[in-house]
Every structure is written in structure tokens, then in C-alpha cells.
Protein backbone atom coordinates (compact mmCIF):
# COMPACT_ATOMS: atom_id res chain seq x y z
CA GLY A 1 -16.81 -40.41 7.12
CA THR A 2 -17.92 -42.85 9.49
CA ILE A 3 -14.89 -45.13 8.54
CA MET A 4 -12.56 -41.77 8.53
CA VAL A 5 -13.09 -39.59 10.96
CA GLY A 6 -12.98 -43.62 13.17
CA ARG A 7 -10.01 -44.61 11.88
CA LEU A 8 -7.82 -41.32 12.02
CA ARG A 9 -9.62 -40.77 15.58
CA LEU A 10 -8.61 -44.70 16.73
CA GLY A 11 -6.03 -46.12 14.33
CA VAL A 12 -4.23 -43.00 13.46
CA GLY A 13 -4.06 -41.20 17.09
CA VAL A 14 -5.46 -37.45 15.45
CA CYS A 15 -6.87 -35.63 17.62
CA ALA A 16 -10.88 -35.43 17.60
CA LEU A 17 -10.80 -31.83 15.90
CA ALA A 18 -7.96 -32.82 13.32
CA ALA A 19 -9.98 -36.04 12.29
CA ALA A 20 -13.35 -34.33 12.41
CA ALA A 21 -11.64 -31.51 9.57
CA THR A 22 -9.84 -33.94 7.44
CA SER A 23 -12.27 -36.34 7.03
CA LEU A 24 -14.86 -33.43 5.86
CA PHE A 25 -11.51 -32.42 3.44
CA ALA A 26 -11.25 -35.71 2.18
CA ILE A 27 -15.47 -36.03 1.47
CA LEU A 28 -15.65 -33.33 -0.60
CA PRO A 29 -13.90 -34.68 -3.59
CA THR A 30 -15.20 -38.38 -3.05
CA SER A 31 -18.56 -36.29 -2.81
CA ILE A 32 -18.04 -34.69 -6.43
CA ALA A 33 -16.77 -37.71 -7.85
CA GLY A 34 -20.11 -40.01 -6.92
CA ALA A 35 -22.46 -37.17 -7.49
CA LEU A 36 -21.42 -36.85 -11.14
CA SER A 37 -21.83 -40.30 -11.76
CA HIS A 38 -25.57 -40.24 -9.75
CA ILE A 39 -25.97 -37.56 -12.41
CA ARG A 40 -24.79 -40.07 -15.39
CA ASN A 41 -26.55 -43.16 -13.97
CA LYS A 42 -29.64 -40.42 -12.97
CA THR A 43 -30.08 -41.74 -9.95
CA CYS A 44 -30.17 -38.36 -8.59
CA ASP A 45 -32.91 -35.78 -7.64
CA ILE A 46 -30.61 -32.83 -8.97
CA PRO A 47 -32.93 -29.50 -7.73
CA LEU A 48 -33.73 -31.90 -4.35
CA GLY A 49 -29.84 -31.80 -3.54
CA VAL A 50 -29.32 -28.39 -4.96
CA ALA A 51 -31.48 -27.18 -2.35
CA MET A 52 -30.58 -29.46 0.44
CA GLY A 53 -26.95 -28.33 -0.41
CA ILE A 54 -27.51 -24.92 -0.28
CA GLY A 55 -29.30 -25.21 2.90
CA GLY A 56 -26.19 -27.03 4.84
CA ALA A 57 -23.55 -24.38 3.06
CA CYS A 58 -25.48 -21.93 5.24
CA MET A 59 -25.06 -23.59 8.31
CA SER A 60 -22.15 -26.31 8.13
CA PRO A 61 -19.60 -23.10 9.11
CA VAL A 62 -21.89 -22.75 12.70
CA GLY A 63 -21.27 -26.63 13.24
CA VAL A 64 -17.67 -26.05 12.54
CA LEU A 65 -16.94 -23.52 15.34
CA LEU A 66 -19.01 -25.19 17.41
CA ALA A 67 -16.74 -28.27 17.38
CA GLU A 68 -14.17 -25.64 17.67
CA MET A 69 -15.54 -24.50 20.94
CA SER A 70 -16.17 -28.30 22.13
CA PRO A 71 -14.12 -30.71 24.47
CA SER A 72 -12.94 -33.56 22.01
CA TRP A 73 -15.03 -35.97 23.99
CA ALA A 74 -18.29 -33.67 23.24
CA VAL A 75 -17.15 -34.51 19.48
CA MET A 76 -16.54 -38.26 19.35
CA ALA A 77 -19.85 -38.62 21.54
CA ALA A 78 -21.46 -36.93 18.61
CA VAL A 79 -19.96 -38.85 16.11
CA ALA A 80 -21.09 -41.96 17.91
CA LEU A 81 -24.76 -40.97 18.62
CA VAL A 82 -24.80 -39.77 14.99
CA ILE A 83 -23.57 -43.01 13.27
CA ALA A 84 -25.97 -45.12 15.95
CA TYR A 85 -28.87 -43.07 14.52
CA SER A 86 -28.29 -43.71 10.99
CA ALA A 87 -27.56 -47.06 11.56
CA ILE A 88 -30.42 -48.23 13.76
CA THR A 89 -33.02 -45.58 11.28
CA MET A 90 -31.65 -47.96 8.37
CA LEU A 91 -32.20 -51.00 9.88
CA VAL A 92 -35.64 -50.94 10.64
CA LYS A 93 -36.44 -49.13 7.07
CA ALA A 94 -34.99 -52.05 5.88
CA ILE A 95 -36.76 -54.48 8.02
CA ARG A 96 -39.67 -52.80 7.31
CA VAL A 97 -39.39 -52.29 3.55
CA ASP A 98 -42.73 -54.14 2.38
CA LYS A 99 -45.07 -54.43 -0.75
CA THR A 100 -46.95 -51.24 -0.32
CA GLU A 101 -43.75 -49.41 0.31
CA LYS A 102 -42.17 -50.98 -3.08
CA ALA A 103 -46.03 -50.21 -4.76
CA HIS A 104 -45.67 -46.36 -3.42
CA GLU A 105 -41.94 -46.20 -4.73
CA ALA A 106 -42.98 -46.96 -7.94
CA THR A 107 -45.96 -44.75 -7.91
CA THR A 108 -43.35 -41.76 -6.52
CA ARG A 109 -40.80 -42.67 -9.33
CA GLU A 110 -43.52 -41.93 -11.90
CA GLY A 111 -45.08 -38.78 -10.32
CA GLN A 112 -41.88 -37.52 -8.99
CA SER A 113 -42.22 -34.07 -11.16
CA ALA A 114 -45.04 -33.37 -9.53
CA LYS A 115 -43.46 -33.29 -6.36
CA LYS A 116 -40.24 -30.35 -7.10
CA GLY A 117 -42.91 -28.04 -5.85
CA PHE A 118 -42.14 -25.49 -3.03
CA ARG A 119 -43.12 -27.20 -0.27
CA PHE A 120 -40.84 -30.56 -1.47
CA LEU A 121 -37.66 -28.35 -1.93
CA ALA A 122 -38.42 -26.27 1.18
CA THR A 123 -38.58 -29.85 3.38
CA GLY A 124 -35.26 -30.73 1.48
CA PHE A 125 -33.79 -27.09 2.36
CA GLY A 126 -34.80 -27.69 6.43
CA ILE A 127 -33.24 -31.32 6.14
CA GLY A 128 -30.00 -29.37 4.56
CA LEU A 129 -29.91 -26.60 7.59
CA LEU A 130 -29.94 -29.67 9.88
CA ALA A 131 -27.24 -31.70 8.09
CA GLY A 132 -25.06 -28.88 7.85
CA VAL A 133 -24.60 -27.89 11.59
CA LEU A 134 -24.09 -31.72 12.38
CA ALA A 135 -21.57 -32.36 9.34
CA GLY A 136 -19.79 -29.31 10.31
CA TYR A 137 -19.47 -30.38 13.90
CA VAL A 138 -19.16 -34.29 13.41
CA GLY A 139 -16.64 -34.21 9.69
CA LEU A 140 -18.98 -37.04 8.63
CA GLY A 141 -20.31 -35.19 5.72
CA GLY A 142 -24.01 -35.04 6.24
CA GLY A 143 -25.44 -37.82 4.83
CA PHE A 144 -25.61 -39.82 8.04
CA ILE A 145 -28.66 -37.31 8.53
CA MET A 146 -29.95 -36.75 5.35
CA VAL A 147 -30.16 -39.96 4.17
CA PRO A 148 -32.75 -41.67 6.98
CA LEU A 149 -34.87 -38.37 6.75
CA MET A 150 -35.43 -38.34 2.86
CA ILE A 151 -36.71 -42.08 3.36
CA THR A 152 -39.03 -41.03 6.16
CA VAL A 153 -40.01 -37.68 5.78
CA LEU A 154 -39.69 -37.20 1.62
CA HIS A 155 -40.69 -41.09 0.72
CA MET A 156 -38.14 -41.26 -1.60
CA SER A 157 -36.15 -44.78 -2.97
CA MET A 158 -33.01 -45.51 -1.44
CA LYS A 159 -31.63 -45.33 -5.01
CA LYS A 160 -32.41 -41.70 -5.42
CA VAL A 161 -31.58 -40.76 -2.08
CA SER A 162 -27.86 -42.07 -2.27
CA GLY A 163 -27.18 -39.99 -5.36
CA THR A 164 -29.39 -36.99 -4.10
CA SER A 165 -27.24 -36.65 -0.81
CA LEU A 166 -24.00 -37.02 -2.48
CA VAL A 167 -25.25 -33.58 -4.85
CA ALA A 168 -26.39 -32.04 -1.64
CA MET A 169 -22.93 -32.56 -0.01
CA VAL A 170 -20.68 -30.71 -2.58
CA PHE A 171 -22.67 -27.84 -1.66
CA LEU A 172 -22.99 -28.10 2.00
CA LEU A 173 -19.05 -29.34 2.14
CA ILE A 174 -17.30 -26.14 0.89
CA PRO A 175 -17.62 -23.86 3.49
CA GLY A 176 -17.23 -25.67 6.35
CA VAL A 177 -13.84 -27.42 4.90
CA ILE A 178 -12.92 -23.49 3.94
CA VAL A 179 -13.51 -22.63 7.64
CA GLN A 180 -11.98 -25.69 8.91
CA GLY A 181 -8.91 -25.11 6.74
CA SER A 182 -8.33 -21.60 7.88
CA LEU A 183 -8.37 -22.89 11.31
CA GLY A 184 -5.27 -25.02 10.71
CA ASN A 185 -7.57 -28.06 11.95
CA VAL A 186 -7.45 -29.86 8.24
CA ASP A 187 -4.27 -32.50 7.74
CA PHE A 188 -4.10 -31.82 4.06
CA LEU A 189 -1.62 -34.58 3.03
CA MET A 190 -3.69 -37.32 4.51
CA GLY A 191 -6.54 -35.68 3.52
CA ILE A 192 -5.31 -35.57 -0.30
CA LEU A 193 -4.37 -39.78 0.03
CA MET A 194 -8.11 -40.59 1.79
CA ALA A 195 -9.88 -39.10 -1.35
CA ILE A 196 -7.36 -40.47 -3.78
CA GLY A 197 -8.38 -43.72 -2.52
CA SER A 198 -11.75 -43.41 -2.02
CA ILE A 199 -12.82 -41.29 -5.43
CA PRO A 200 -12.57 -44.93 -7.12
CA GLY A 201 -14.94 -46.38 -4.73
CA ALA A 202 -17.44 -43.45 -4.37
CA VAL A 203 -17.52 -44.02 -8.53
CA LEU A 204 -18.14 -48.09 -8.38
CA GLY A 205 -20.29 -47.33 -5.54
CA ALA A 206 -22.84 -44.93 -7.78
CA THR A 207 -22.55 -47.42 -10.52
CA LEU A 208 -23.23 -50.51 -8.28
CA VAL A 209 -26.90 -48.94 -6.92
CA ARG A 210 -28.58 -49.49 -9.63
CA HIS A 211 -28.42 -53.63 -9.51
CA VAL A 212 -28.61 -53.36 -5.43
CA PRO A 213 -32.81 -54.51 -4.58
CA GLU A 214 -33.86 -51.47 -2.18
CA ARG A 215 -33.63 -53.59 1.16
CA ALA A 216 -30.61 -54.69 0.44
CA LEU A 217 -29.35 -50.88 0.07
CA ARG A 218 -30.77 -49.56 2.96
């Protein structure tokens, strides 16, 4: 999403609303392909992903409608801010990876089933609500906010976070894409071409994630 929106707006000259809408449309099949690969590789938390996705699905149409009412500069400013937030947060998290955190990651993995309580999933649902509004507004998919929050709030490893966010996006994006399509904001041909290009990359990325160290992934 960060690549698609920027390239559509600055490289192709698509208006801000159409860039966000078309990106959202293209990310959906890409997320499905990536999520299926993560599920096969067991590098995702499916219940948490579903909980976040349902929360996001409730709110993504709200984000779309807010974008519809906003000036182009506000949408692009929001895109810049959320990309900056995600980039800075993940860079700081990468720098601060230490032995204690790696040990915590190992015990977290061991006791993952015990964490699947109501509070864990409810927190994920809350993260999804926030991600849904922002994803619908800026068209970046939602991973930009789900990934740092899952690491910070739920203390998950990046390997699990990457796949879980894609599972969530499969559910989160559908209502927003439907609303954007009904409003006539999606360039379907451009979106289909981008999806065809990005699906192989999503599958490859999901396969590689198991072999990349935690710090490098962040």
C-alpha cells in the first residue's frame, strides 16, 4: 500500500481519492495470497487475525466515507503521517531488539495457546477498529498500524505479526473496497494489473519470512 499509493499519486498522477481506493482494491487479492501462504507455513495467529479483521471490517467503510468528505491534501498528509509512524516505530523496535526480548519471544511462542483468552482477542479487535478507519481513509491496507501495535501491545514476534496482519486484512478490506467501488473511486483495470504483479511477491515474501532474523524483519 505504501508503494502503490505513492506511485499512483506521484508517478501516474491519479487523484488522491482514486489512488487510495485503487490501492485498497489491489491489496485485497494480494493479502489473500500472502495470508494463505502464511497459514500453510504456520507463521500467523489465525484467531487473532480474524478478531482484528472483524474489527477492521466494521470501521473501514467509515474511513472511506471520511476520505470522501476530505480534501486531497488531507488524505495525502494522513498517508505521509501513518507511513512515518510505522517506519519510525519499527526502526526503533529493530534497534531495541535484545537478548531479553528474544527470550521473551521464545516463551511467548511456547505459551501462545494460553494467551488466546478473551482479553487477548478483544485487544486485537480494538486494534482492528483503529486499523479499519485508517485503512479506509488512506488506502494502505491497515498493516502499517497493526504491525507496530501487535509488537508493542501484544508482544508478538515479527514472524507471527507479518502473517497475522495479512489474515486480518482479508476481512478488513472487503467492506471498504465495496464502498469505494460503489462510489466509483476504483480504477479496476489498474487495480487488477497491480494485484497480478504483487501476488507472486506476497507469496515469496511469506515464504522468506521464516528465514529472516527478527531484527532484519523489523
